[in-house]
PDB file of N, CA and C in Angstrom:
ATOM      1  N   MET A   1       3.528  10.517  -2.334  1.00  0.00           N
ATOM      2  CA  MET A   1       3.338   9.197  -1.795  1.00  0.00           C
ATOM      3  C   MET A   1       5.127   8.763  -1.939  1.00  0.00           C
ATOM      4  N   LEU A   2       5.537   8.315  -0.542  1.00  0.00           N
ATOM      5  CA  LEU A   2       7.016   7.755  -0.628  1.00  0.00           C
ATOM      6  C   LEU A   2       7.004   6.752  -1.188  1.00  0.00           C
ATOM      7  N   ALA A   3       8.006   6.317  -2.168  1.00  0.00           N
ATOM      8  CA  ALA A   3       8.511   5.163  -3.075  1.00  0.00           C
ATOM      9  C   ALA A   3       9.275   4.386  -1.918  1.00  0.00           C
ATOM     10  N   VAL A   4       8.926   3.145  -1.679  1.00  0.00           N
ATOM     11  CA  VAL A   4       9.772   1.975  -0.876  1.00  0.00           C
ATOM     12  C   VAL A   4      10.270   1.427  -1.700  1.00  0.00           C
ATOM     13  N   ASP A   5      11.393   0.575  -1.304  1.00  0.00           N
ATOM     14  CA  ASP A   5      11.969  -0.462  -2.006  1.00  0.00           C
ATOM     15  C   ASP A   5      12.478  -1.843  -1.282  1.00  0.00           C
ATOM     16  N   LYS A   6      13.079  -2.669  -1.519  1.00  0.00           N
ATOM     17  CA  LYS A   6      13.493  -3.702  -0.620  1.00  0.00           C
ATOM     18  C   LYS A   6      14.529  -3.055   0.642  1.00  0.00           C
ATOM     19  N   LYS A   7      15.357  -2.100   0.097  1.00  0.00           N
ATOM     20  CA  LYS A   7      16.130  -1.747   0.904  1.00  0.00           C
ATOM     21  C   LYS A   7      15.247  -0.775   2.217  1.00  0.00           C
ATOM     22  N   THR A   8      14.372   0.024   1.905  1.00  0.00           N
ATOM     23  CA  THR A   8      13.555   0.923   2.863  1.00  0.00           C
ATOM     24  C   THR A   8      12.329   0.209   3.390  1.00  0.00           C
ATOM     25  N   PHE A   9      11.819  -0.821   2.898  1.00  0.00           N
ATOM     26  CA  PHE A   9      10.633  -1.191   3.208  1.00  0.00           C
ATOM     27  C   PHE A   9      10.456  -1.650   4.931  1.00  0.00           C
ATOM     28  N   GLU A  10      11.754  -2.024   5.337  1.00  0.00           N
ATOM     29  CA  GLU A  10      11.546  -2.558   6.767  1.00  0.00           C
ATOM     30  C   GLU A  10      11.551  -1.307   7.472  1.00  0.00           C
ATOM     31  N   GLU A  11      12.349  -0.340   7.183  1.00  0.00           N
ATOM     32  CA  GLU A  11      12.351   0.821   7.976  1.00  0.00           C
ATOM     33  C   GLU A  11      11.195   1.745   8.040  1.00  0.00           C
ATOM     34  N   GLU A  12      10.764   1.835   6.465  1.00  0.00           N
ATOM     35  CA  GLU A  12       9.695   2.850   6.397  1.00  0.00           C
ATOM     36  C   GLU A  12       8.335   1.977   6.690  1.00  0.00           C
ATOM     37  N   VAL A  13       8.049   0.923   6.673  1.00  0.00           N
ATOM     38  CA  VAL A  13       6.700   0.387   6.881  1.00  0.00           C
ATOM     39  C   VAL A  13       6.886  -0.696   7.946  1.00  0.00           C
ATOM     40  N   LEU A  14       7.886  -1.476   8.093  1.00  0.00           N
ATOM     41  CA  LEU A  14       7.632  -2.418   9.409  1.00  0.00           C
ATOM     42  C   LEU A  14       8.194  -1.940  10.774  1.00  0.00           C
ATOM     43  N   ASN A  15       8.925  -1.031  10.524  1.00  0.00           N
ATOM     44  CA  ASN A  15       9.683  -0.536  11.851  1.00  0.00           C
ATOM     45  C   ASN A  15       8.991   0.807  12.012  1.00  0.00           C
ATOM     46  N   ALA A  16       7.851   1.406  11.213  1.00  0.00           N
ATOM     47  CA  ALA A  16       7.280   2.747  11.564  1.00  0.00           C
ATOM     48  C   ALA A  16       6.165   2.207  12.567  1.00  0.00           C
ATOM     49  N   GLU A  17       5.980   3.499  13.236  1.00  0.00           N
ATOM     50  CA  GLU A  17       4.985   3.518  14.549  1.00  0.00           C
ATOM     51  C   GLU A  17       3.942   3.711  13.879  1.00  0.00           C
ATOM     52  N   GLY A  18       2.363   3.520  14.247  1.00  0.00           N
ATOM     53  CA  GLY A  18       1.313   3.822  13.547  1.00  0.00           C
ATOM     54  C   GLY A  18       0.926   2.815  12.364  1.00  0.00           C
ATOM     55  N   TYR A  19      -0.043   3.636  11.726  1.00  0.00           N
ATOM     56  CA  TYR A  19      -0.580   3.107  10.467  1.00  0.00           C
ATOM     57  C   TYR A  19       0.418   3.553   9.066  1.00  0.00           C
ATOM     58  N   VAL A  20       0.390   2.438   8.486  1.00  0.00           N
ATOM     59  CA  VAL A  20       0.901   2.588   6.994  1.00  0.00           C
ATOM     60  C   VAL A  20       0.295   1.937   5.839  1.00  0.00           C
ATOM     61  N   LEU A  21       0.090   3.187   4.715  1.00  0.00           N
ATOM     62  CA  LEU A  21      -0.806   2.314   3.922  1.00  0.00           C
ATOM     63  C   LEU A  21       0.287   2.176   2.850  1.00  0.00           C
ATOM     64  N   VAL A  22       0.109   0.652   2.250  1.00  0.00           N
ATOM     65  CA  VAL A  22       1.307   0.200   1.454  1.00  0.00           C
ATOM     66  C   VAL A  22       0.513   0.027   0.013  1.00  0.00           C
ATOM     67  N   ASP A  23       0.910   0.559  -1.208  1.00  0.00           N
ATOM     68  CA  ASP A  23       0.328   0.466  -2.580  1.00  0.00           C
ATOM     69  C   ASP A  23       1.500  -0.077  -3.019  1.00  0.00           C
ATOM     70  N   PHE A  24       0.852  -1.649  -3.258  1.00  0.00           N
ATOM     71  CA  PHE A  24       1.597  -2.696  -3.899  1.00  0.00           C
ATOM     72  C   PHE A  24       1.297  -2.701  -5.492  1.00  0.00           C
ATOM     73  N   TRP A  25       2.385  -2.146  -6.423  1.00  0.00           N
ATOM     74  CA  TRP A  25       2.161  -2.050  -7.709  1.00  0.00           C
ATOM     75  C   TRP A  25       3.429  -2.542  -8.370  1.00  0.00           C
ATOM     76  N   SER A  26       2.832  -2.674 -10.037  1.00  0.00           N
ATOM     77  CA  SER A  26       4.138  -2.711 -10.849  1.00  0.00           C
ATOM     78  C   SER A  26       3.413  -2.007 -12.320  1.00  0.00           C
ATOM     79  N   GLU A  27       4.935  -1.710 -13.110  1.00  0.00           N
ATOM     80  CA  GLU A  27       4.761  -0.911 -14.240  1.00  0.00           C
ATOM     81  C   GLU A  27       3.990  -1.677 -15.310  1.00  0.00           C
ATOM     82  N   GLY A  28       3.415  -3.197 -15.131  1.00  0.00           N
ATOM     83  CA  GLY A  28       3.056  -3.852 -16.278  1.00  0.00           C
ATOM     84  C   GLY A  28       1.576  -4.024 -15.795  1.00  0.00           C
ATOM     85  N   CYS A  29       1.140  -3.532 -14.782  1.00  0.00           N
ATOM     86  CA  CYS A  29      -0.309  -3.636 -13.952  1.00  0.00           C
ATOM     87  C   CYS A  29      -1.249  -2.528 -14.144  1.00  0.00           C
ATOM     88  N   GLU A  30      -2.096  -2.577 -15.084  1.00  0.00           N
ATOM     89  CA  GLU A  30      -2.759  -1.593 -15.856  1.00  0.00           C
ATOM     90  C   GLU A  30      -3.530  -0.763 -14.576  1.00  0.00           C
ATOM     91  N   PRO A  31      -4.398  -2.004 -13.935  1.00  0.00           N
ATOM     92  CA  PRO A  31      -5.363  -1.587 -13.126  1.00  0.00           C
ATOM     93  C   PRO A  31      -4.492  -1.107 -11.710  1.00  0.00           C
ATOM     94  N   CYS A  32      -3.226  -1.047 -11.394  1.00  0.00           N
ATOM     95  CA  CYS A  32      -2.632  -0.622 -10.698  1.00  0.00           C
ATOM     96  C   CYS A  32      -2.336   0.755 -11.166  1.00  0.00           C
ATOM     97  N   LYS A  33      -1.927   0.934 -12.219  1.00  0.00           N
ATOM     98  CA  LYS A  33      -1.772   2.375 -12.881  1.00  0.00           C
ATOM     99  C   LYS A  33      -3.106   3.135 -12.711  1.00  0.00           C
ATOM    100  N   ALA A  34      -4.083   2.787 -13.129  1.00  0.00           N
ATOM    101  CA  ALA A  34      -5.236   3.061 -12.914  1.00  0.00           C
ATOM    102  C   ALA A  34      -5.609   3.839 -11.654  1.00  0.00           C
ATOM    103  N   LEU A  35      -5.634   2.715 -10.411  1.00  0.00           N
ATOM    104  CA  LEU A  35      -5.613   3.100  -9.095  1.00  0.00           C
ATOM    105  C   LEU A  35      -5.211   4.330  -8.216  1.00  0.00           C
ATOM    106  N   MET A  36      -3.547   4.269  -8.936  1.00  0.00           N
ATOM    107  CA  MET A  36      -2.647   5.169  -8.274  1.00  0.00           C
ATOM    108  C   MET A  36      -3.358   6.670  -7.852  1.00  0.00           C
ATOM    109  N   PRO A  37      -3.708   7.130  -9.048  1.00  0.00           N
ATOM    110  CA  PRO A  37      -4.156   8.772  -8.659  1.00  0.00           C
ATOM    111  C   PRO A  37      -4.970   8.682  -7.844  1.00  0.00           C
ATOM    112  N   HIS A  38      -6.077   7.813  -7.848  1.00  0.00           N
ATOM    113  CA  HIS A  38      -6.876   7.802  -6.461  1.00  0.00           C
ATOM    114  C   HIS A  38      -6.469   7.458  -5.035  1.00  0.00           C
ATOM    115  N   ILE A  39      -5.152   6.851  -4.895  1.00  0.00           N
ATOM    116  CA  ILE A  39      -4.456   6.510  -3.774  1.00  0.00           C
ATOM    117  C   ILE A  39      -4.049   7.783  -3.609  1.00  0.00           C
ATOM    118  N   GLU A  40      -3.651   8.682  -4.531  1.00  0.00           N
ATOM    119  CA  GLU A  40      -2.516   9.854  -4.198  1.00  0.00           C
ATOM    120  C   GLU A  40      -3.492  10.773  -3.620  1.00  0.00           C
ATOM    121  N   GLU A  41      -4.610  10.913  -3.971  1.00  0.00           N
ATOM    122  CA  GLU A  41      -5.821  11.952  -3.610  1.00  0.00           C
ATOM    123  C   GLU A  41      -6.147  11.438  -2.430  1.00  0.00           C
ATOM    124  N   LEU A  42      -6.391  10.174  -2.011  1.00  0.00           N
ATOM    125  CA  LEU A  42      -6.621   9.912  -0.614  1.00  0.00           C
ATOM    126  C   LEU A  42      -5.530  10.103   0.320  1.00  0.00           C
ATOM    127  N   GLU A  43      -4.189  10.165  -0.302  1.00  0.00           N
ATOM    128  CA  GLU A  43      -3.237  10.693   0.690  1.00  0.00           C
ATOM    129  C   GLU A  43      -3.358  12.203   0.920  1.00  0.00           C
ATOM    130  N   GLY A  44      -3.938  13.212   0.002  1.00  0.00           N
ATOM    131  CA  GLY A  44      -4.031  14.407   0.186  1.00  0.00           C
ATOM    132  C   GLY A  44      -5.074  14.494   1.213  1.00  0.00           C
ATOM    133  N   GLN A  45      -6.041  13.305   1.336  1.00  0.00           N
ATOM    134  CA  GLN A  45      -7.128  13.569   2.362  1.00  0.00           C
ATOM    135  C   GLN A  45      -6.794  12.976   3.851  1.00  0.00           C
ATOM    136  N   TYR A  46      -5.852  11.904   3.715  1.00  0.00           N
ATOM    137  CA  TYR A  46      -5.695  11.270   5.075  1.00  0.00           C
ATOM    138  C   TYR A  46      -4.335  11.250   5.354  1.00  0.00           C
ATOM    139  N   GLY A  47      -3.323  11.931   4.744  1.00  0.00           N
ATOM    140  CA  GLY A  47      -2.033  11.929   4.647  1.00  0.00           C
ATOM    141  C   GLY A  47      -1.368  12.197   5.948  1.00  0.00           C
ATOM    142  N   GLU A  48      -2.105  13.041   6.937  1.00  0.00           N
ATOM    143  CA  GLU A  48      -1.781  13.405   8.307  1.00  0.00           C
ATOM    144  C   GLU A  48      -2.169  12.502   9.258  1.00  0.00           C
ATOM    145  N   GLN A  49      -2.899  11.576   8.845  1.00  0.00           N
ATOM    146  CA  GLN A  49      -3.296  10.553   9.730  1.00  0.00           C
ATOM    147  C   GLN A  49      -2.509   9.019   9.825  1.00  0.00           C
ATOM    148  N   LEU A  50      -2.171   8.952   8.459  1.00  0.00           N
ATOM    149  CA  LEU A  50      -1.224   7.810   8.060  1.00  0.00           C
ATOM    150  C   LEU A  50      -0.265   7.954   7.128  1.00  0.00           C
ATOM    151  N   LYS A  51       0.814   7.453   7.123  1.00  0.00           N
ATOM    152  CA  LYS A  51       1.927   7.345   6.141  1.00  0.00           C
ATOM    153  C   LYS A  51       1.357   6.555   5.013  1.00  0.00           C
ATOM    154  N   PHE A  52       1.665   7.173   3.583  1.00  0.00           N
ATOM    155  CA  PHE A  52       1.480   6.530   2.478  1.00  0.00           C
ATOM    156  C   PHE A  52       2.588   5.989   1.940  1.00  0.00           C
ATOM    157  N   CYS A  53       2.695   5.009   1.520  1.00  0.00           N
ATOM    158  CA  CYS A  53       4.132   4.320   0.775  1.00  0.00           C
ATOM    159  C   CYS A  53       3.678   3.712  -0.718  1.00  0.00           C
ATOM    160  N   LYS A  54       4.662   3.422  -1.546  1.00  0.00           N
ATOM    161  CA  LYS A  54       4.266   2.584  -2.928  1.00  0.00           C
ATOM    162  C   LYS A  54       5.360   1.830  -3.097  1.00  0.00           C
ATOM    163  N   LEU A  55       5.279   0.568  -3.479  1.00  0.00           N
ATOM    164  CA  LEU A  55       6.347  -0.296  -3.605  1.00  0.00           C
ATOM    165  C   LEU A  55       6.298  -1.001  -4.706  1.00  0.00           C
ATOM    166  N   ASP A  56       7.125  -0.906  -5.709  1.00  0.00           N
ATOM    167  CA  ASP A  56       7.074  -1.412  -7.065  1.00  0.00           C
ATOM    168  C   ASP A  56       7.154  -3.157  -6.945  1.00  0.00           C
ATOM    169  N   THR A  57       6.296  -4.025  -7.149  1.00  0.00           N
ATOM    170  CA  THR A  57       6.747  -5.411  -6.855  1.00  0.00           C
ATOM    171  C   THR A  57       8.088  -5.882  -7.726  1.00  0.00           C
ATOM    172  N   THR A  58       7.832  -5.368  -9.130  1.00  0.00           N
ATOM    173  CA  THR A  58       8.965  -5.892 -10.239  1.00  0.00           C
ATOM    174  C   THR A  58      10.224  -5.833  -9.477  1.00  0.00           C
ATOM    175  N   LYS A  59      10.514  -4.843  -8.734  1.00  0.00           N
ATOM    176  CA  LYS A  59      11.778  -4.805  -8.297  1.00  0.00           C
ATOM    177  C   LYS A  59      12.084  -5.078  -6.876  1.00  0.00           C
ATOM    178  N   ALA A  60      11.217  -6.008  -6.362  1.00  0.00           N
ATOM    179  CA  ALA A  60      11.189  -6.505  -4.978  1.00  0.00           C
ATOM    180  C   ALA A  60      10.271  -7.675  -4.820  1.00  0.00           C
ATOM    181  N   ARG A  61      10.540  -8.729  -5.856  1.00  0.00           N
ATOM    182  CA  ARG A  61       9.795  -9.609  -6.145  1.00  0.00           C
ATOM    183  C   ARG A  61       9.734 -10.408  -4.549  1.00  0.00           C
ATOM    184  N   ARG A  62      11.076 -10.794  -4.144  1.00  0.00           N
ATOM    185  CA  ARG A  62      10.889 -11.687  -3.024  1.00  0.00           C
ATOM    186  C   ARG A  62      10.243 -11.267  -1.741  1.00  0.00           C
ATOM    187  N   LEU A  63      10.584  -9.686  -1.515  1.00  0.00           N
ATOM    188  CA  LEU A  63       9.635  -8.754  -0.403  1.00  0.00           C
ATOM    189  C   LEU A  63       8.323  -8.857  -0.793  1.00  0.00           C
ATOM    190  N   ALA A  64       7.965  -8.733  -2.108  1.00  0.00           N
ATOM    191  CA  ALA A  64       6.285  -9.004  -1.932  1.00  0.00           C
ATOM    192  C   ALA A  64       5.896 -10.522  -1.951  1.00  0.00           C
ATOM    193  N   ILE A  65       6.673 -11.618  -2.292  1.00  0.00           N
ATOM    194  CA  ILE A  65       6.315 -12.701  -1.922  1.00  0.00           C
ATOM    195  C   ILE A  65       6.160 -13.199  -0.211  1.00  0.00           C
ATOM    196  N   LYS A  66       7.238 -12.361   0.317  1.00  0.00           N
ATOM    197  CA  LYS A  66       7.546 -12.578   1.846  1.00  0.00           C
ATOM    198  C   LYS A  66       5.929 -11.777   2.676  1.00  0.00           C
ATOM    199  N   GLN A  67       5.542 -10.911   1.979  1.00  0.00           N
ATOM    200  CA  GLN A  67       4.421  -9.969   2.395  1.00  0.00           C
ATOM    201  C   GLN A  67       2.925 -10.695   2.052  1.00  0.00           C
ATOM    202  N   LYS A  68       2.897 -11.496   1.215  1.00  0.00           N
ATOM    203  CA  LYS A  68       2.155 -12.639   0.818  1.00  0.00           C
ATOM    204  C   LYS A  68       1.163 -11.948  -0.355  1.00  0.00           C
ATOM    205  N   ILE A  69       2.035 -11.103  -1.226  1.00  0.00           N
ATOM    206  CA  ILE A  69       1.375 -10.411  -2.269  1.00  0.00           C
ATOM    207  C   ILE A  69       1.467 -11.194  -3.436  1.00  0.00           C
ATOM    208  N   LEU A  70       0.289 -11.876  -3.568  1.00  0.00           N
ATOM    209  CA  LEU A  70       0.068 -12.949  -4.718  1.00  0.00           C
ATOM    210  C   LEU A  70      -0.645 -12.202  -5.966  1.00  0.00           C
ATOM    211  N   GLY A  71      -0.941 -10.899  -5.820  1.00  0.00           N
ATOM    212  CA  GLY A  71      -1.726 -10.410  -7.333  1.00  0.00           C
ATOM    213  C   GLY A  71      -1.790  -9.110  -7.031  1.00  0.00           C
ATOM    214  N   LEU A  72      -1.896  -8.425  -7.859  1.00  0.00           N
ATOM    215  CA  LEU A  72      -2.144  -6.999  -8.063  1.00  0.00           C
ATOM    216  C   LEU A  72      -2.952  -6.467  -8.731  1.00  0.00           C
ATOM    217  N   PRO A  73      -3.670  -5.222  -8.059  1.00  0.00           N
ATOM    218  CA  PRO A  73      -3.030  -4.371  -7.339  1.00  0.00           C
ATOM    219  C   PRO A  73      -3.601  -4.714  -5.860  1.00  0.00           C
ATOM    220  N   VAL A  74      -2.703  -4.449  -4.625  1.00  0.00           N
ATOM    221  CA  VAL A  74      -2.789  -4.901  -3.652  1.00  0.00           C
ATOM    222  C   VAL A  74      -2.767  -3.557  -2.838  1.00  0.00           C
ATOM    223  N   ILE A  75      -3.617  -2.981  -1.934  1.00  0.00           N
ATOM    224  CA  ILE A  75      -3.520  -1.816  -1.162  1.00  0.00           C
ATOM    225  C   ILE A  75      -3.571  -2.609   0.687  1.00  0.00           C
ATOM    226  N   ALA A  76      -2.689  -2.443   1.516  1.00  0.00           N
ATOM    227  CA  ALA A  76      -2.272  -2.957   2.392  1.00  0.00           C
ATOM    228  C   ALA A  76      -2.101  -1.638   3.746  1.00  0.00           C
ATOM    229  N   ILE A  77      -2.760  -2.146   4.777  1.00  0.00           N
ATOM    230  CA  ILE A  77      -2.615  -1.440   5.751  1.00  0.00           C
ATOM    231  C   ILE A  77      -1.582  -2.201   7.021  1.00  0.00           C
ATOM    232  N   TYR A  78      -0.694  -1.489   7.439  1.00  0.00           N
ATOM    233  CA  TYR A  78       0.123  -1.955   8.425  1.00  0.00           C
ATOM    234  C   TYR A  78       0.038  -1.302   9.770  1.00  0.00           C
ATOM    235  N   LYS A  79       0.139  -2.024  10.801  1.00  0.00           N
ATOM    236  CA  LYS A  79       0.040  -1.337  12.184  1.00  0.00           C
ATOM    237  C   LYS A  79       1.361  -1.596  13.241  1.00  0.00           C
ATOM    238  N   ASP A  80       2.327  -0.938  13.265  1.00  0.00           N
ATOM    239  CA  ASP A  80       3.369  -1.205  13.810  1.00  0.00           C
ATOM    240  C   ASP A  80       4.023  -2.443  13.453  1.00  0.00           C
ATOM    241  N   GLY A  81       4.365  -2.220  12.180  1.00  0.00           N
ATOM    242  CA  GLY A  81       4.986  -3.481  11.002  1.00  0.00           C
ATOM    243  C   GLY A  81       4.153  -4.741  10.958  1.00  0.00           C
ATOM    244  N   GLU A  82       2.962  -4.732  11.456  1.00  0.00           N
ATOM    245  CA  GLU A  82       1.838  -6.223  11.131  1.00  0.00           C
ATOM    246  C   GLU A  82       0.917  -5.722   9.965  1.00  0.00           C
ATOM    247  N   LYS A  83       0.580  -6.341   9.024  1.00  0.00           N
ATOM    248  CA  LYS A  83      -0.173  -6.253   8.142  1.00  0.00           C
ATOM    249  C   LYS A  83      -1.509  -6.522   8.999  1.00  0.00           C
ATOM    250  N   VAL A  84      -2.557  -5.324   8.821  1.00  0.00           N
ATOM    251  CA  VAL A  84      -3.885  -5.841   9.417  1.00  0.00           C
ATOM    252  C   VAL A  84      -5.094  -5.724   8.492  1.00  0.00           C
ATOM    253  N   ASP A  85      -4.927  -4.955   7.436  1.00  0.00           N
ATOM    254  CA  ASP A  85      -5.987  -5.205   6.462  1.00  0.00           C
ATOM    255  C   ASP A  85      -5.054  -4.970   4.846  1.00  0.00           C
ATOM    256  N   GLU A  86      -5.986  -5.625   3.943  1.00  0.00           N
ATOM    257  CA  GLU A  86      -5.798  -5.159   2.640  1.00  0.00           C
ATOM    258  C   GLU A  86      -6.875  -5.337   1.319  1.00  0.00           C
ATOM    259  N   LYS A  87      -6.876  -4.646   0.671  1.00  0.00           N
ATOM    260  CA  LYS A  87      -7.781  -4.804  -0.417  1.00  0.00           C
ATOM    261  C   LYS A  87      -7.020  -5.479  -1.797  1.00  0.00           C
ATOM    262  N   VAL A  88      -7.548  -6.488  -2.262  1.00  0.00           N
ATOM    263  CA  VAL A  88      -6.518  -7.006  -3.681  1.00  0.00           C
ATOM    264  C   VAL A  88      -7.647  -7.110  -4.513  1.00  0.00           C
ATOM    265  N   LYS A  89      -6.795  -7.094  -5.653  1.00  0.00           N
ATOM    266  CA  LYS A  89      -7.419  -7.068  -7.138  1.00  0.00           C
ATOM    267  C   LYS A  89      -8.774  -6.260  -7.426  1.00  0.00           C
ATOM    268  N   GLU A  90      -9.776  -6.853  -7.593  1.00  0.00           N
ATOM    269  CA  GLU A  90     -10.908  -5.976  -7.717  1.00  0.00           C
ATOM    270  C   GLU A  90     -11.484  -5.363  -6.759  1.00  0.00           C
ATOM    271  N   ASP A  91     -11.165  -5.723  -5.599  1.00  0.00           N
ATOM    272  CA  ASP A  91     -11.645  -5.010  -4.102  1.00  0.00           C
ATOM    273  C   ASP A  91     -10.533  -3.841  -3.895  1.00  0.00           C
ATOM    274  N   ALA A  92      -9.780  -3.566  -4.584  1.00  0.00           N
ATOM    275  CA  ALA A  92      -8.986  -2.433  -4.674  1.00  0.00           C
ATOM    276  C   ALA A  92      -9.658  -1.333  -5.139  1.00  0.00           C
ATOM    277  N   THR A  93     -10.716  -0.878  -4.910  1.00  0.00           N
ATOM    278  CA  THR A  93     -11.468   0.198  -5.635  1.00  0.00           C
ATOM    279  C   THR A  93     -10.994   1.546  -4.502  1.00  0.00           C
ATOM    280  N   ARG A  94     -11.388   2.879  -4.979  1.00  0.00           N
ATOM    281  CA  ARG A  94     -11.146   4.245  -4.379  1.00  0.00           C
ATOM    282  C   ARG A  94     -12.070   3.879  -3.242  1.00  0.00           C
ATOM    283  N   ALA A  95     -13.242   3.370  -3.072  1.00  0.00           N
ATOM    284  CA  ALA A  95     -14.303   3.591  -2.231  1.00  0.00           C
ATOM    285  C   ALA A  95     -13.833   2.389  -1.368  1.00  0.00           C
ATOM    286  N   ASN A  96     -13.509   1.390  -1.489  1.00  0.00           N
ATOM    287  CA  ASN A  96     -13.104   0.445  -0.523  1.00  0.00           C
ATOM    288  C   ASN A  96     -11.777   0.400   0.102  1.00  0.00           C
ATOM    289  N   VAL A  97     -11.007   1.414  -0.599  1.00  0.00           N
ATOM    290  CA  VAL A  97      -9.840   1.717  -0.013  1.00  0.00           C
ATOM    291  C   VAL A  97     -10.141   2.589   1.114  1.00  0.00           C
ATOM    292  N   GLU A  98     -10.832   3.828   0.891  1.00  0.00           N
ATOM    293  CA  GLU A  98     -11.259   4.539   1.918  1.00  0.00           C
ATOM    294  C   GLU A  98     -11.926   4.383   2.955  1.00  0.00           C
ATOM    295  N   GLU A  99     -12.718   3.173   2.460  1.00  0.00           N
ATOM    296  CA  GLU A  99     -13.578   2.529   3.844  1.00  0.00           C
ATOM    297  C   GLU A  99     -12.504   2.039   4.854  1.00  0.00           C
ATOM    298  N   MET A 100     -11.608   1.465   4.066  1.00  0.00           N
ATOM    299  CA  MET A 100     -10.475   0.746   5.044  1.00  0.00           C
ATOM    300  C   MET A 100      -9.849   1.637   5.799  1.00  0.00           C
ATOM    301  N   ILE A 101      -9.170   2.459   5.138  1.00  0.00           N
ATOM    302  CA  ILE A 101      -8.634   3.683   6.086  1.00  0.00           C
ATOM    303  C   ILE A 101      -9.668   4.262   7.187  1.00  0.00           C
ATOM    304  N   LYS A 102     -10.817   4.639   6.683  1.00  0.00           N
ATOM    305  CA  LYS A 102     -11.599   5.098   7.787  1.00  0.00           C
ATOM    306  C   LYS A 102     -11.922   4.087   8.814  1.00  0.00           C
ATOM    307  N   LYS A 103     -11.354   3.253   8.963  1.00  0.00           N
ATOM    308  CA  LYS A 103     -11.456   2.047   9.859  1.00  0.00           C
ATOM    309  C   LYS A 103     -10.314   2.198  11.166  1.00  0.00           C
ATOM    310  N   TYR A 104      -9.136   2.722  10.234  1.00  0.00           N
ATOM    311  CA  TYR A 104      -8.103   2.765  11.306  1.00  0.00           C
ATOM    312  C   TYR A 104      -7.733   4.204  11.820  1.00  0.00           C
ATOM    313  N   ILE A 105      -8.307   5.171  11.314  1.00  0.00           N
ATOM    314  CA  ILE A 105      -7.845   6.389  11.640  1.00  0.00           C
ATOM    315  C   ILE A 105      -8.797   7.041  12.534  1.00  0.00           C
TER     316      ILE A 105
END
């Protein structure tokens, strides 16, 4: 999974063509760390159909706020630079994220 930061987010996510999944997470977020292996597994299944990125929000707070990330974990899907869907907090489960991915591929 491509790790993006405040310098690369715009290029890798907002300027990307097609669909990009972004895992917004932080070191201090236990649910985020528990979810990440599942997201990496989904990347193995769907990585050819959409791009997978992760952003550590503790290193990019302003960017996270600008993207309206107010709680964690958040798994968001962007299309051509616009956020089109997201799963937040307890809705961010492997099953829900996979269902969300399937809507867009």
